[in-house]
C-alpha cells in the first residue's frame, strides 16, 4: 500500500497552532490528528475511535469544535487550530478543569481533553443553558463517568462564567 502513495507529492501547509504560525510538511492523506500528535508532538489531542464518534481528538478549527481524526491536514492551510493544552491555560479553561475535578468528572482522563475543548467552545460562544451544552457534548463519549458528574461540572461552570 505504501508503494501506492509514492507518487503523491508532499505539501507544506501553514496554519496558526495555539496562536503561533506553524509550517509543516504533510501528505495528502494525513489527518490533522496524526500531524498534531506525530509531527508536532501535541499529545493533548487523543486518538480514540478514528472515525469521529468519540470526541477524544476534538480541537477548535477557526473557533468551532471538530474531530481532528476526520479532518485532512492539508485542509487546515491558512486556518487556526486550538488544542486542549492551550485551552487549559486560559481563564475559562481553568474554570472548566477545576469544576470537572471538583465534581469528579475526570476518571481515566482519556475523554477529558475533548470535553474541555467542547465545553470551552460552548461557553465562549455564549451558551448559558444546560440543555444547549448537552447538545454540544453529544459527540463526546465517556465510558467511565456516566455523564452525571460531567453535567454537574457544566452547571458549576455555567454559574461561574456568567
Protein backbone atom coordinates (compact mmCIF):
# COMPACT_ATOMS: atom_id res chain seq x y z
CA UNK A 1 0.00 0.00 0.00
CA UNK A 2 2.86 2.39 0.76
CA UNK A 3 4.07 1.98 -2.83
CA UNK A 4 0.74 3.33 -3.99
CA UNK A 5 1.45 6.65 -2.28
CA UNK A 6 4.97 7.05 -3.72
CA UNK A 7 3.67 9.26 -6.49
CA UNK A 8 1.81 11.51 -4.05
CA UNK A 9 3.53 14.83 -3.52
CA UNK A 10 4.06 16.12 -0.02
CA UNK A 11 2.95 19.68 0.57
CA UNK A 12 3.76 22.37 3.07
CA UNK A 13 0.89 23.86 4.99
CA UNK A 14 0.92 26.92 7.18
CA UNK A 15 -1.62 27.48 9.92
CA UNK A 16 -1.89 29.08 13.32
CA UNK A 17 -1.50 26.49 16.08
CA UNK A 18 -2.38 27.80 19.53
CA UNK A 19 -1.61 31.34 18.41
CA UNK A 20 1.72 30.50 16.72
CA UNK A 21 2.14 30.37 12.95
CA UNK A 22 3.24 26.82 12.18
CA UNK A 23 4.55 25.28 8.98
CA UNK A 24 4.66 21.54 8.45
CA UNK A 25 5.05 19.16 5.53
CA UNK A 26 2.13 16.78 5.09
CA UNK A 27 0.96 14.12 2.71
CA UNK A 28 -2.50 14.50 1.17
CA UNK A 29 -3.93 11.53 3.11
CA UNK A 30 -2.70 12.59 6.58
CA UNK A 31 -5.25 13.64 9.16
CA UNK A 32 -4.92 16.67 11.37
CA UNK A 33 -4.88 14.31 14.37
CA UNK A 34 -1.84 12.46 13.08
CA UNK A 35 0.02 15.63 12.16
CA UNK A 36 -0.67 17.18 15.57
CA UNK A 37 0.37 14.08 17.53
CA UNK A 38 3.14 12.62 15.38
CA UNK A 39 4.76 15.60 13.69
CA UNK A 40 4.04 18.46 16.07
CA UNK A 41 4.08 16.37 19.30
CA UNK A 42 0.77 17.76 20.61
CA UNK A 43 -0.22 14.90 22.90
CA UNK A 44 -3.30 16.54 24.46
CA UNK A 45 -5.22 15.58 21.31
CA UNK A 46 -6.08 11.91 21.86
CA UNK A 47 -6.62 9.13 19.35
CA UNK A 48 -9.84 7.40 20.34
CA UNK A 49 -12.01 5.78 17.70
CA UNK A 50 -10.52 7.18 14.49
CA UNK A 51 -13.98 7.63 12.95
CA UNK A 52 -15.20 10.85 14.56
CA UNK A 53 -17.56 9.28 17.10
CA UNK A 54 -15.85 9.61 20.49
CA UNK A 55 -14.66 13.23 20.60
CA UNK A 56 -11.28 12.46 22.19
CA UNK A 57 -9.46 14.19 19.34
CA UNK A 58 -11.56 17.37 19.39
CA UNK A 59 -9.79 20.63 18.57
CA UNK A 60 -11.07 24.06 17.62
CA UNK A 61 -10.78 24.81 13.92
CA UNK A 62 -11.40 28.52 13.38
CA UNK A 63 -13.27 28.51 16.69
CA UNK A 64 -15.50 25.51 16.01
CA UNK A 65 -15.04 22.10 17.63
CA UNK A 66 -14.12 19.38 15.13
CA UNK A 67 -12.91 15.81 15.43
CA UNK A 68 -9.37 16.06 14.11
CA UNK A 69 -9.34 12.39 13.04
CA UNK A 70 -11.75 13.32 10.23
CA UNK A 71 -10.00 16.49 9.02
CA UNK A 72 -7.35 16.18 6.35
CA UNK A 73 -4.31 18.15 7.45
CA UNK A 74 -3.98 19.73 4.01
CA UNK A 75 -7.36 21.40 4.54
CA UNK A 76 -6.19 23.45 7.54
CA UNK A 77 -3.77 25.53 5.47
CA UNK A 78 -4.47 29.14 6.45
CA UNK A 79 -6.73 28.18 9.36
CA UNK A 80 -6.41 28.49 13.12
CA UNK A 81 -6.21 25.35 15.28
CA UNK A 82 -6.55 25.47 19.06
CA UNK A 83 -5.78 22.39 21.14
CA UNK A 84 -6.80 21.32 24.66
CA UNK A 85 -3.40 22.13 26.17
CA UNK A 86 -3.75 25.73 25.04
CA UNK A 87 -7.34 25.94 26.29
CA UNK A 88 -6.27 24.56 29.67
CA UNK A 89 -4.07 27.64 30.16
CA UNK A 90 -6.90 30.13 29.61
CA UNK A 91 -9.06 31.59 32.38
CA UNK A 92 -12.18 29.76 31.16
CA UNK A 93 -10.19 26.57 30.63
CA UNK A 94 -9.00 26.65 34.23
CA UNK A 95 -12.58 27.12 35.46
CA UNK A 96 -13.66 24.10 33.39
CA UNK A 97 -10.84 21.89 34.66
CA UNK A 98 -11.36 22.93 38.29
CA UNK A 99 -15.10 22.22 38.08
CA UNK A 100 -14.52 18.84 36.44
CA UNK A 101 -12.02 17.89 39.15
CA UNK A 102 -14.26 19.12 41.98
CA UNK A 103 -17.30 17.26 40.63
CA UNK A 104 -15.45 14.01 39.93
CA UNK A 105 -15.99 14.33 36.19
CA UNK A 106 -12.49 13.02 35.44
CA UNK A 107 -11.76 9.36 35.98
CA UNK A 108 -9.43 7.75 33.46
CA UNK A 109 -8.98 11.16 31.79
CA UNK A 110 -8.89 9.94 28.21
CA UNK A 111 -12.01 11.83 27.16
CA UNK A 112 -11.20 14.92 29.24
CA UNK A 113 -9.38 16.92 26.51
CA UNK A 114 -12.35 16.51 24.17
CA UNK A 115 -14.82 17.55 26.87
CA UNK A 116 -12.63 20.51 27.81
CA UNK A 117 -12.49 21.70 24.20
CA UNK A 118 -16.20 21.24 23.51
CA UNK A 119 -17.31 22.89 26.77
CA UNK A 120 -14.88 25.75 26.16
CA UNK A 121 -16.29 26.29 22.66
CA UNK A 122 -19.85 26.34 24.01
CA UNK A 123 -19.05 28.73 26.86
CA UNK A 124 -17.05 31.14 24.71
CA UNK A 125 -19.87 31.17 22.13
CA UNK A 126 -22.13 32.47 24.89
CA UNK A 127 -24.13 29.31 25.58
CA UNK A 128 -25.52 29.56 29.12
CA UNK A 129 -28.22 26.88 29.07
CA UNK A 130 -27.50 23.35 30.31
CA UNK A 131 -29.66 21.83 27.56
CA UNK A 132 -27.66 23.63 24.86
CA UNK A 133 -24.40 22.45 26.40
CA UNK A 134 -25.76 18.88 26.49
CA UNK A 135 -26.47 19.14 22.76
CA UNK A 136 -22.95 20.47 22.16
CA UNK A 137 -21.50 17.49 24.06
CA UNK A 138 -23.37 14.89 22.03
CA UNK A 139 -20.17 13.98 20.14
CA UNK A 140 -18.13 13.31 23.30
CA UNK A 141 -18.15 9.82 24.77
CA UNK A 142 -17.08 8.93 28.30
CA UNK A 143 -17.11 5.30 29.34
CA UNK A 144 -16.22 5.96 33.00
CA UNK A 145 -18.36 8.73 34.49
CA UNK A 146 -21.85 8.08 33.15
CA UNK A 147 -22.06 11.82 32.40
CA UNK A 148 -23.73 12.68 35.73
CA UNK A 149 -20.61 14.30 37.14
CA UNK A 150 -19.78 15.93 33.81
CA UNK A 151 -23.18 17.62 33.83
CA UNK A 152 -22.71 18.68 37.47
CA UNK A 153 -19.43 20.26 36.42
CA UNK A 154 -21.11 22.01 33.48
CA UNK A 155 -23.75 23.50 35.82
CA UNK A 156 -20.98 24.76 38.08
CA UNK A 157 -19.07 26.17 35.08
CA UNK A 158 -22.17 27.96 33.81
CA UNK A 159 -22.69 29.62 37.20
CA UNK A 160 -19.03 30.69 37.39
CA UNK A 161 -18.74 32.12 33.86
CA UNK A 162 -21.79 34.38 33.80
